[in-house]
Amino acid sequence: RIATLTFRGVKGTTGTQASFLALFQG
């Protein structure tokens, strides 16, 4: 379980990373 636990990271409101894509202008 330790080895396979993955970080969520930065994914945005529904997981699409749309807000970050907008910040970095596509």
mmCIF file of all heavy atoms, coordinates in Angstrom:
data_MODEL
# 
_entry.id   MODEL 
# 
loop_
_atom_site.group_PDB 
_atom_site.id 
_atom_site.type_symbol 
_atom_site.label_atom_id 
_atom_site.label_alt_id 
_atom_site.label_comp_id 
_atom_site.label_asym_id 
_atom_site.label_entity_id 
_atom_site.label_seq_id 
_atom_site.pdbx_PDB_ins_code 
_atom_site.Cartn_x 
_atom_site.Cartn_y 
_atom_site.Cartn_z 
_atom_site.occupancy 
_atom_site.B_iso_or_equiv 
_atom_site.pdbx_formal_charge 
_atom_site.auth_seq_id 
_atom_site.auth_comp_id 
_atom_site.auth_asym_id 
_atom_site.auth_atom_id 
_atom_site.pdbx_PDB_model_num 
ATOM 1   N N   . ARG A 1 1  ? 0.826   -1.204 0.000   1.00 0.00 ? 1  ARG A N   1 
ATOM 2   C CA  . ARG A 1 1  ? 0.000   0.000  0.000   1.00 0.00 ? 1  ARG A CA  1 
ATOM 3   C C   . ARG A 1 1  ? 0.865   1.261  0.000   1.00 0.00 ? 1  ARG A C   1 
ATOM 4   O O   . ARG A 1 1  ? 0.530   2.255  -0.649  1.00 0.00 ? 1  ARG A O   1 
ATOM 5   C CB  . ARG A 1 1  ? -0.926  0.003  1.217   1.00 0.00 ? 1  ARG A CB  1 
ATOM 6   C CG  . ARG A 1 1  ? -2.005  -1.054 1.166   1.00 0.00 ? 1  ARG A CG  1 
ATOM 7   C CD  . ARG A 1 1  ? -2.951  -0.839 0.004   1.00 0.00 ? 1  ARG A CD  1 
ATOM 8   N NE  . ARG A 1 1  ? -3.620  -2.093 -0.366  1.00 0.00 ? 1  ARG A NE  1 
ATOM 9   C CZ  . ARG A 1 1  ? -3.903  -2.447 -1.591  1.00 0.00 ? 1  ARG A CZ  1 
ATOM 10  N NH1 . ARG A 1 1  ? -3.570  -1.649 -2.608  1.00 0.00 ? 1  ARG A NH1 1 
ATOM 11  N NH2 . ARG A 1 1  ? -4.514  -3.583 -1.856  1.00 0.00 ? 1  ARG A NH2 1 
ATOM 12  N N   . ILE A 1 2  ? 1.962   1.237  0.736   1.00 0.00 ? 2  ILE A N   1 
ATOM 13  C CA  . ILE A 1 2  ? 2.874   2.384  0.744   1.00 0.00 ? 2  ILE A CA  1 
ATOM 14  C C   . ILE A 1 2  ? 3.446   2.609  -0.647  1.00 0.00 ? 2  ILE A C   1 
ATOM 15  O O   . ILE A 1 2  ? 3.505   3.741  -1.151  1.00 0.00 ? 2  ILE A O   1 
ATOM 16  C CB  . ILE A 1 2  ? 4.011   2.158  1.759   1.00 0.00 ? 2  ILE A CB  1 
ATOM 17  C CG1 . ILE A 1 2  ? 3.456   2.135  3.187   1.00 0.00 ? 2  ILE A CG1 1 
ATOM 18  C CG2 . ILE A 1 2  ? 5.082   3.235  1.625   1.00 0.00 ? 2  ILE A CG2 1 
ATOM 19  C CD1 . ILE A 1 2  ? 4.450   1.635  4.223   1.00 0.00 ? 2  ILE A CD1 1 
ATOM 20  N N   . ALA A 1 3  ? 3.860   1.527  -1.283  1.00 0.00 ? 3  ALA A N   1 
ATOM 21  C CA  . ALA A 1 3  ? 4.523   1.621  -2.594  1.00 0.00 ? 3  ALA A CA  1 
ATOM 22  C C   . ALA A 1 3  ? 3.574   2.057  -3.698  1.00 0.00 ? 3  ALA A C   1 
ATOM 23  O O   . ALA A 1 3  ? 4.004   2.681  -4.681  1.00 0.00 ? 3  ALA A O   1 
ATOM 24  C CB  . ALA A 1 3  ? 5.153   0.278  -2.946  1.00 0.00 ? 3  ALA A CB  1 
ATOM 25  N N   . THR A 1 4  ? 2.294   1.749  -3.558  1.00 0.00 ? 4  THR A N   1 
ATOM 26  C CA  . THR A 1 4  ? 1.349   2.020  -4.647  1.00 0.00 ? 4  THR A CA  1 
ATOM 27  C C   . THR A 1 4  ? 0.453   3.238  -4.389  1.00 0.00 ? 4  THR A C   1 
ATOM 28  O O   . THR A 1 4  ? -0.389  3.561  -5.230  1.00 0.00 ? 4  THR A O   1 
ATOM 29  C CB  . THR A 1 4  ? 0.458   0.788  -4.907  1.00 0.00 ? 4  THR A CB  1 
ATOM 30  O OG1 . THR A 1 4  ? -0.200  0.404  -3.689  1.00 0.00 ? 4  THR A OG1 1 
ATOM 31  C CG2 . THR A 1 4  ? 1.294   -0.376 -5.418  1.00 0.00 ? 4  THR A CG2 1 
ATOM 32  N N   . LEU A 1 5  ? 0.621   3.886  -3.238  1.00 0.00 ? 5  LEU A N   1 
ATOM 33  C CA  . LEU A 1 5  ? -0.173  5.088  -2.958  1.00 0.00 ? 5  LEU A CA  1 
ATOM 34  C C   . LEU A 1 5  ? 0.337   6.236  -3.822  1.00 0.00 ? 5  LEU A C   1 
ATOM 35  O O   . LEU A 1 5  ? 1.517   6.575  -3.794  1.00 0.00 ? 5  LEU A O   1 
ATOM 36  C CB  . LEU A 1 5  ? -0.065  5.455  -1.479  1.00 0.00 ? 5  LEU A CB  1 
ATOM 37  C CG  . LEU A 1 5  ? -0.999  6.558  -0.988  1.00 0.00 ? 5  LEU A CG  1 
ATOM 38  C CD1 . LEU A 1 5  ? -2.455  6.069  -0.980  1.00 0.00 ? 5  LEU A CD1 1 
ATOM 39  C CD2 . LEU A 1 5  ? -0.591  7.028  0.400   1.00 0.00 ? 5  LEU A CD2 1 
ATOM 40  N N   . THR A 1 6  ? -0.544  6.838  -4.599  1.00 0.00 ? 6  THR A N   1 
ATOM 41  C CA  . THR A 1 6  ? -0.140  7.916  -5.502  1.00 0.00 ? 6  THR A CA  1 
ATOM 42  C C   . THR A 1 6  ? -0.706  9.260  -5.035  1.00 0.00 ? 6  THR A C   1 
ATOM 43  O O   . THR A 1 6  ? -1.766  9.319  -4.412  1.00 0.00 ? 6  THR A O   1 
ATOM 44  C CB  . THR A 1 6  ? -0.610  7.643  -6.947  1.00 0.00 ? 6  THR A CB  1 
ATOM 45  O OG1 . THR A 1 6  ? -2.032  7.485  -6.960  1.00 0.00 ? 6  THR A OG1 1 
ATOM 46  C CG2 . THR A 1 6  ? 0.043   6.381  -7.490  1.00 0.00 ? 6  THR A CG2 1 
ATOM 47  N N   . PHE A 1 7  ? 0.032   10.300 -5.346  1.00 0.00 ? 7  PHE A N   1 
ATOM 48  C CA  . PHE A 1 7  ? -0.339  11.664 -4.974  1.00 0.00 ? 7  PHE A CA  1 
ATOM 49  C C   . PHE A 1 7  ? -1.432  12.169 -5.905  1.00 0.00 ? 7  PHE A C   1 
ATOM 50  O O   . PHE A 1 7  ? -1.421  11.881 -7.099  1.00 0.00 ? 7  PHE A O   1 
ATOM 51  C CB  . PHE A 1 7  ? 0.907   12.538 -5.085  1.00 0.00 ? 7  PHE A CB  1 
ATOM 52  C CG  . PHE A 1 7  ? 0.823   13.854 -4.380  1.00 0.00 ? 7  PHE A CG  1 
ATOM 53  C CD1 . PHE A 1 7  ? 0.612   13.920 -3.018  1.00 0.00 ? 7  PHE A CD1 1 
ATOM 54  C CD2 . PHE A 1 7  ? 0.997   15.045 -5.073  1.00 0.00 ? 7  PHE A CD2 1 
ATOM 55  C CE1 . PHE A 1 7  ? 0.561   15.134 -2.355  1.00 0.00 ? 7  PHE A CE1 1 
ATOM 56  C CE2 . PHE A 1 7  ? 0.948   16.263 -4.425  1.00 0.00 ? 7  PHE A CE2 1 
ATOM 57  C CZ  . PHE A 1 7  ? 0.733   16.307 -3.052  1.00 0.00 ? 7  PHE A CZ  1 
ATOM 58  N N   . ARG A 1 8  ? -2.388  12.923 -5.353  1.00 0.00 ? 8  ARG A N   1 
ATOM 59  C CA  . ARG A 1 8  ? -3.422  13.504 -6.217  1.00 0.00 ? 8  ARG A CA  1 
ATOM 60  C C   . ARG A 1 8  ? -2.839  14.596 -7.099  1.00 0.00 ? 8  ARG A C   1 
ATOM 61  O O   . ARG A 1 8  ? -3.148  14.699 -8.284  1.00 0.00 ? 8  ARG A O   1 
ATOM 62  C CB  . ARG A 1 8  ? -4.564  14.085 -5.384  1.00 0.00 ? 8  ARG A CB  1 
ATOM 63  C CG  . ARG A 1 8  ? -5.650  14.735 -6.259  1.00 0.00 ? 8  ARG A CG  1 
ATOM 64  C CD  . ARG A 1 8  ? -6.676  15.463 -5.414  1.00 0.00 ? 8  ARG A CD  1 
ATOM 65  N NE  . ARG A 1 8  ? -7.644  16.163 -6.242  1.00 0.00 ? 8  ARG A NE  1 
ATOM 66  C CZ  . ARG A 1 8  ? -7.483  17.384 -6.739  1.00 0.00 ? 8  ARG A CZ  1 
ATOM 67  N NH1 . ARG A 1 8  ? -6.354  18.052 -6.508  1.00 0.00 ? 8  ARG A NH1 1 
ATOM 68  N NH2 . ARG A 1 8  ? -8.412  17.949 -7.487  1.00 0.00 ? 8  ARG A NH2 1 
ATOM 69  N N   . GLY A 1 9  ? -1.979  15.442 -6.499  1.00 0.00 ? 9  GLY A N   1 
ATOM 70  C CA  . GLY A 1 9  ? -1.370  16.508 -7.278  1.00 0.00 ? 9  GLY A CA  1 
ATOM 71  C C   . GLY A 1 9  ? -2.323  17.652 -7.547  1.00 0.00 ? 9  GLY A C   1 
ATOM 72  O O   . GLY A 1 9  ? -3.229  17.940 -6.763  1.00 0.00 ? 9  GLY A O   1 
ATOM 73  N N   . VAL A 1 10 ? -2.129  18.336 -8.675  1.00 0.00 ? 10 VAL A N   1 
ATOM 74  C CA  . VAL A 1 10 ? -2.949  19.494 -9.042  1.00 0.00 ? 10 VAL A CA  1 
ATOM 75  C C   . VAL A 1 10 ? -3.871  19.098 -10.188 1.00 0.00 ? 10 VAL A C   1 
ATOM 76  O O   . VAL A 1 10 ? -3.446  18.907 -11.314 1.00 0.00 ? 10 VAL A O   1 
ATOM 77  C CB  . VAL A 1 10 ? -2.072  20.715 -9.416  1.00 0.00 ? 10 VAL A CB  1 
ATOM 78  C CG1 . VAL A 1 10 ? -1.403  21.253 -8.172  1.00 0.00 ? 10 VAL A CG1 1 
ATOM 79  C CG2 . VAL A 1 10 ? -0.998  20.360 -10.442 1.00 0.00 ? 10 VAL A CG2 1 
ATOM 80  N N   . LYS A 1 11 ? -5.153  18.970 -9.897  1.00 0.00 ? 11 LYS A N   1 
ATOM 81  C CA  . LYS A 1 11 ? -6.092  18.454 -10.887 1.00 0.00 ? 11 LYS A CA  1 
ATOM 82  C C   . LYS A 1 11 ? -7.286  19.368 -11.121 1.00 0.00 ? 11 LYS A C   1 
ATOM 83  O O   . LYS A 1 11 ? -8.045  19.169 -12.060 1.00 0.00 ? 11 LYS A O   1 
ATOM 84  C CB  . LYS A 1 11 ? -6.602  17.070 -10.455 1.00 0.00 ? 11 LYS A CB  1 
ATOM 85  C CG  . LYS A 1 11 ? -5.519  15.998 -10.355 1.00 0.00 ? 11 LYS A CG  1 
ATOM 86  C CD  . LYS A 1 11 ? -4.853  15.715 -11.694 1.00 0.00 ? 11 LYS A CD  1 
ATOM 87  C CE  . LYS A 1 11 ? -3.983  14.476 -11.658 1.00 0.00 ? 11 LYS A CE  1 
ATOM 88  N NZ  . LYS A 1 11 ? -2.794  14.635 -10.778 1.00 0.00 ? 11 LYS A NZ  1 
ATOM 89  N N   . GLY A 1 12 ? -7.530  20.333 -10.215 1.00 0.00 ? 12 GLY A N   1 
ATOM 90  C CA  . GLY A 1 12 ? -8.651  21.235 -10.437 1.00 0.00 ? 12 GLY A CA  1 
ATOM 91  C C   . GLY A 1 12 ? -9.960  20.681 -9.926  1.00 0.00 ? 12 GLY A C   1 
ATOM 92  O O   . GLY A 1 12 ? -10.033 19.636 -9.291  1.00 0.00 ? 12 GLY A O   1 
ATOM 93  N N   . THR A 1 13 ? -11.020 21.402 -10.267 1.00 0.00 ? 13 THR A N   1 
ATOM 94  C CA  . THR A 1 13 ? -12.317 21.154 -9.634  1.00 0.00 ? 13 THR A CA  1 
ATOM 95  C C   . THR A 1 13 ? -12.944 19.818 -9.994  1.00 0.00 ? 13 THR A C   1 
ATOM 96  O O   . THR A 1 13 ? -13.596 19.188 -9.157  1.00 0.00 ? 13 THR A O   1 
ATOM 97  C CB  . THR A 1 13 ? -13.302 22.263 -10.008 1.00 0.00 ? 13 THR A CB  1 
ATOM 98  O OG1 . THR A 1 13 ? -13.322 22.395 -11.434 1.00 0.00 ? 13 THR A OG1 1 
ATOM 99  C CG2 . THR A 1 13 ? -12.897 23.573 -9.379  1.00 0.00 ? 13 THR A CG2 1 
ATOM 100 N N   . THR A 1 14 ? -12.825 19.367 -11.216 1.00 0.00 ? 14 THR A N   1 
ATOM 101 C CA  . THR A 1 14 ? -13.368 18.054 -11.589 1.00 0.00 ? 14 THR A CA  1 
ATOM 102 C C   . THR A 1 14 ? -12.281 17.128 -12.113 1.00 0.00 ? 14 THR A C   1 
ATOM 103 O O   . THR A 1 14 ? -12.570 16.125 -12.765 1.00 0.00 ? 14 THR A O   1 
ATOM 104 C CB  . THR A 1 14 ? -14.485 18.183 -12.645 1.00 0.00 ? 14 THR A CB  1 
ATOM 105 O OG1 . THR A 1 14 ? -13.965 18.879 -13.797 1.00 0.00 ? 14 THR A OG1 1 
ATOM 106 C CG2 . THR A 1 14 ? -15.688 18.916 -12.081 1.00 0.00 ? 14 THR A CG2 1 
ATOM 107 N N   . GLY A 1 15 ? -11.055 17.474 -11.847 1.00 0.00 ? 15 GLY A N   1 
ATOM 108 C CA  . GLY A 1 15 ? -9.942  16.615 -12.237 1.00 0.00 ? 15 GLY A CA  1 
ATOM 109 C C   . GLY A 1 15 ? -9.414  16.858 -13.633 1.00 0.00 ? 15 GLY A C   1 
ATOM 110 O O   . GLY A 1 15 ? -8.519  16.147 -14.101 1.00 0.00 ? 15 GLY A O   1 
ATOM 111 N N   . THR A 1 16 ? -9.929  17.882 -14.333 1.00 0.00 ? 16 THR A N   1 
ATOM 112 C CA  . THR A 1 16 ? -9.539  18.111 -15.733 1.00 0.00 ? 16 THR A CA  1 
ATOM 113 C C   . THR A 1 16 ? -8.331  19.032 -15.881 1.00 0.00 ? 16 THR A C   1 
ATOM 114 O O   . THR A 1 16 ? -7.812  19.202 -16.982 1.00 0.00 ? 16 THR A O   1 
ATOM 115 C CB  . THR A 1 16 ? -10.709 18.737 -16.508 1.00 0.00 ? 16 THR A CB  1 
ATOM 116 O OG1 . THR A 1 16 ? -10.966 20.044 -15.980 1.00 0.00 ? 16 THR A OG1 1 
ATOM 117 C CG2 . THR A 1 16 ? -11.961 17.870 -16.395 1.00 0.00 ? 16 THR A CG2 1 
ATOM 118 N N   . GLN A 1 17 ? -7.906  19.676 -14.803 1.00 0.00 ? 17 GLN A N   1 
ATOM 119 C CA  . GLN A 1 17 ? -6.810  20.641 -14.793 1.00 0.00 ? 17 GLN A CA  1 
ATOM 120 C C   . GLN A 1 17 ? -7.114  21.886 -15.633 1.00 0.00 ? 17 GLN A C   1 
ATOM 121 O O   . GLN A 1 17 ? -6.201  22.624 -16.051 1.00 0.00 ? 17 GLN A O   1 
ATOM 122 C CB  . GLN A 1 17 ? -5.495  19.998 -15.274 1.00 0.00 ? 17 GLN A CB  1 
ATOM 123 C CG  . GLN A 1 17 ? -5.035  18.839 -14.385 1.00 0.00 ? 17 GLN A CG  1 
ATOM 124 C CD  . GLN A 1 17 ? -3.769  18.185 -14.865 1.00 0.00 ? 17 GLN A CD  1 
ATOM 125 O OE1 . GLN A 1 17 ? -3.675  17.784 -16.037 1.00 0.00 ? 17 GLN A OE1 1 
ATOM 126 N NE2 . GLN A 1 17 ? -2.780  18.065 -13.991 1.00 0.00 ? 17 GLN A NE2 1 
ATOM 127 N N   . ALA A 1 18 ? -8.405  22.133 -15.853 1.00 0.00 ? 18 ALA A N   1 
ATOM 128 C CA  . ALA A 1 18 ? -8.798  23.265 -16.715 1.00 0.00 ? 18 ALA A CA  1 
ATOM 129 C C   . ALA A 1 18 ? -8.307  24.601 -16.156 1.00 0.00 ? 18 ALA A C   1 
ATOM 130 O O   . ALA A 1 18 ? -7.856  25.478 -16.916 1.00 0.00 ? 18 ALA A O   1 
ATOM 131 C CB  . ALA A 1 18 ? -10.319 23.287 -16.871 1.00 0.00 ? 18 ALA A CB  1 
ATOM 132 N N   . SER A 1 19 ? -8.385  24.785 -14.827 1.00 0.00 ? 19 SER A N   1 
ATOM 133 C CA  . SER A 1 19 ? -7.975  26.065 -14.245 1.00 0.00 ? 19 SER A CA  1 
ATOM 134 C C   . SER A 1 19 ? -6.483  26.313 -14.445 1.00 0.00 ? 19 SER A C   1 
ATOM 135 O O   . SER A 1 19 ? -6.051  27.450 -14.705 1.00 0.00 ? 19 SER A O   1 
ATOM 136 C CB  . SER A 1 19 ? -8.314  26.097 -12.756 1.00 0.00 ? 19 SER A CB  1 
ATOM 137 O OG  . SER A 1 19 ? -7.676  25.038 -12.071 1.00 0.00 ? 19 SER A OG  1 
ATOM 138 N N   . PHE A 1 20 ? -5.672  25.275 -14.372 1.00 0.00 ? 20 PHE A N   1 
ATOM 139 C CA  . PHE A 1 20 ? -4.232  25.432 -14.545 1.00 0.00 ? 20 PHE A CA  1 
ATOM 140 C C   . PHE A 1 20 ? -3.875  25.621 -16.020 1.00 0.00 ? 20 PHE A C   1 
ATOM 141 O O   . PHE A 1 20 ? -2.937  26.345 -16.352 1.00 0.00 ? 20 PHE A O   1 
ATOM 142 C CB  . PHE A 1 20 ? -3.496  24.230 -13.950 1.00 0.00 ? 20 PHE A CB  1 
ATOM 143 C CG  . PHE A 1 20 ? -3.733  24.090 -12.467 1.00 0.00 ? 20 PHE A CG  1 
ATOM 144 C CD1 . PHE A 1 20 ? -4.582  23.119 -11.974 1.00 0.00 ? 20 PHE A CD1 1 
ATOM 145 C CD2 . PHE A 1 20 ? -3.132  24.968 -11.572 1.00 0.00 ? 20 PHE A CD2 1 
ATOM 146 C CE1 . PHE A 1 20 ? -4.823  23.007 -10.613 1.00 0.00 ? 20 PHE A CE1 1 
ATOM 147 C CE2 . PHE A 1 20 ? -3.363  24.871 -10.211 1.00 0.00 ? 20 PHE A CE2 1 
ATOM 148 C CZ  . PHE A 1 20 ? -4.212  23.893 -9.725  1.00 0.00 ? 20 PHE A CZ  1 
ATOM 149 N N   . LEU A 1 21 ? -4.664  24.984 -16.872 1.00 0.00 ? 21 LEU A N   1 
ATOM 150 C CA  . LEU A 1 21 ? -4.447  25.185 -18.307 1.00 0.00 ? 21 LEU A CA  1 
ATOM 151 C C   . LEU A 1 21 ? -4.735  26.639 -18.668 1.00 0.00 ? 21 LEU A C   1 
ATOM 152 O O   . LEU A 1 21 ? -4.014  27.237 -19.496 1.00 0.00 ? 21 LEU A O   1 
ATOM 153 C CB  . LEU A 1 21 ? -5.354  24.241 -19.096 1.00 0.00 ? 21 LEU A CB  1 
ATOM 154 C CG  . LEU A 1 21 ? -5.040  24.097 -20.590 1.00 0.00 ? 21 LEU A CG  1 
ATOM 155 C CD1 . LEU A 1 21 ? -3.656  23.493 -20.811 1.00 0.00 ? 21 LEU A CD1 1 
ATOM 156 C CD2 . LEU A 1 21 ? -6.106  23.219 -21.268 1.00 0.00 ? 21 LEU A CD2 1 
ATOM 157 N N   . ALA A 1 22 ? -5.745  27.209 -18.023 1.00 0.00 ? 22 ALA A N   1 
ATOM 158 C CA  . ALA A 1 22 ? -6.059  28.614 -18.272 1.00 0.00 ? 22 ALA A CA  1 
ATOM 159 C C   . ALA A 1 22 ? -4.951  29.525 -17.745 1.00 0.00 ? 22 ALA A C   1 
ATOM 160 O O   . ALA A 1 22 ? -4.569  30.509 -18.404 1.00 0.00 ? 22 ALA A O   1 
ATOM 161 C CB  . ALA A 1 22 ? -7.393  28.979 -17.614 1.00 0.00 ? 22 ALA A CB  1 
ATOM 162 N N   . LEU A 1 23 ? -4.408  29.218 -16.564 1.00 0.00 ? 23 LEU A N   1 
ATOM 163 C CA  . LEU A 1 23 ? -3.324  30.022 -15.990 1.00 0.00 ? 23 LEU A CA  1 
ATOM 164 C C   . LEU A 1 23 ? -2.117  30.060 -16.918 1.00 0.00 ? 23 LEU A C   1 
ATOM 165 O O   . LEU A 1 23 ? -1.464  31.095 -17.081 1.00 0.00 ? 23 LEU A O   1 
ATOM 166 C CB  . LEU A 1 23 ? -2.913  29.465 -14.620 1.00 0.00 ? 23 LEU A CB  1 
ATOM 167 C CG  . LEU A 1 23 ? -3.792  29.803 -13.406 1.00 0.00 ? 23 LEU A CG  1 
ATOM 168 C CD1 . LEU A 1 23 ? -3.274  29.085 -12.168 1.00 0.00 ? 23 LEU A CD1 1 
ATOM 169 C CD2 . LEU A 1 23 ? -3.830  31.314 -13.161 1.00 0.00 ? 23 LEU A CD2 1 
ATOM 170 N N   . PHE A 1 24 ? -1.824  28.900 -17.511 1.00 0.00 ? 24 PHE A N   1 
ATOM 171 C CA  . PHE A 1 24 ? -0.641  28.812 -18.380 1.00 0.00 ? 24 PHE A CA  1 
ATOM 172 C C   . PHE A 1 24 ? -1.009  28.960 -19.860 1.00 0.00 ? 24 PHE A C   1 
ATOM 173 O O   . PHE A 1 24 ? -0.289  28.497 -20.737 1.00 0.00 ? 24 PHE A O   1 
ATOM 174 C CB  . PHE A 1 24 ? 0.099   27.490 -18.133 1.00 0.00 ? 24 PHE A CB  1 
ATOM 175 C CG  . PHE A 1 24 ? 0.866   27.478 -16.839 1.00 0.00 ? 24 PHE A CG  1 
ATOM 176 C CD1 . PHE A 1 24 ? 0.347   26.863 -15.705 1.00 0.00 ? 24 PHE A CD1 1 
ATOM 177 C CD2 . PHE A 1 24 ? 2.098   28.100 -16.745 1.00 0.00 ? 24 PHE A CD2 1 
ATOM 178 C CE1 . PHE A 1 24 ? 1.049   26.862 -14.511 1.00 0.00 ? 24 PHE A CE1 1 
ATOM 179 C CE2 . PHE A 1 24 ? 2.810   28.105 -15.555 1.00 0.00 ? 24 PHE A CE2 1 
ATOM 180 C CZ  . PHE A 1 24 ? 2.287   27.479 -14.422 1.00 0.00 ? 24 PHE A CZ  1 
ATOM 181 N N   . GLN A 1 25 ? -2.137  29.602 -20.097 1.00 0.00 ? 25 GLN A N   1 
ATOM 182 C CA  . GLN A 1 25 ? -2.553  29.999 -21.446 1.00 0.00 ? 25 GLN A CA  1 
ATOM 183 C C   . GLN A 1 25 ? -2.515  28.843 -22.444 1.00 0.00 ? 25 GLN A C   1 
ATOM 184 O O   . GLN A 1 25 ? -1.986  28.955 -23.557 1.00 0.00 ? 25 GLN A O   1 
ATOM 185 C CB  . GLN A 1 25 ? -1.674  31.154 -21.939 1.00 0.00 ? 25 GLN A CB  1 
ATOM 186 C CG  . GLN A 1 25 ? -1.812  32.386 -21.037 1.00 0.00 ? 25 GLN A CG  1 
ATOM 187 C CD  . GLN A 1 25 ? -0.956  33.548 -21.507 1.00 0.00 ? 25 GLN A CD  1 
ATOM 188 O OE1 . GLN A 1 25 ? 0.062   33.355 -22.185 1.00 0.00 ? 25 GLN A OE1 1 
ATOM 189 N NE2 . GLN A 1 25 ? -1.365  34.760 -21.149 1.00 0.00 ? 25 GLN A NE2 1 
ATOM 190 N N   . GLY A 1 26 ? -3.075  27.698 -22.001 1.00 0.00 ? 26 GLY A N   1 
ATOM 191 C CA  . GLY A 1 26 ? -3.227  26.556 -22.893 1.00 0.00 ? 26 GLY A CA  1 
ATOM 192 C C   . GLY A 1 26 ? -1.982  25.708 -23.063 1.00 0.00 ? 26 GLY A C   1 
ATOM 193 O O   . GLY A 1 26 ? -1.969  24.809 -23.922 1.00 0.00 ? 26 GLY A O   1 
# 
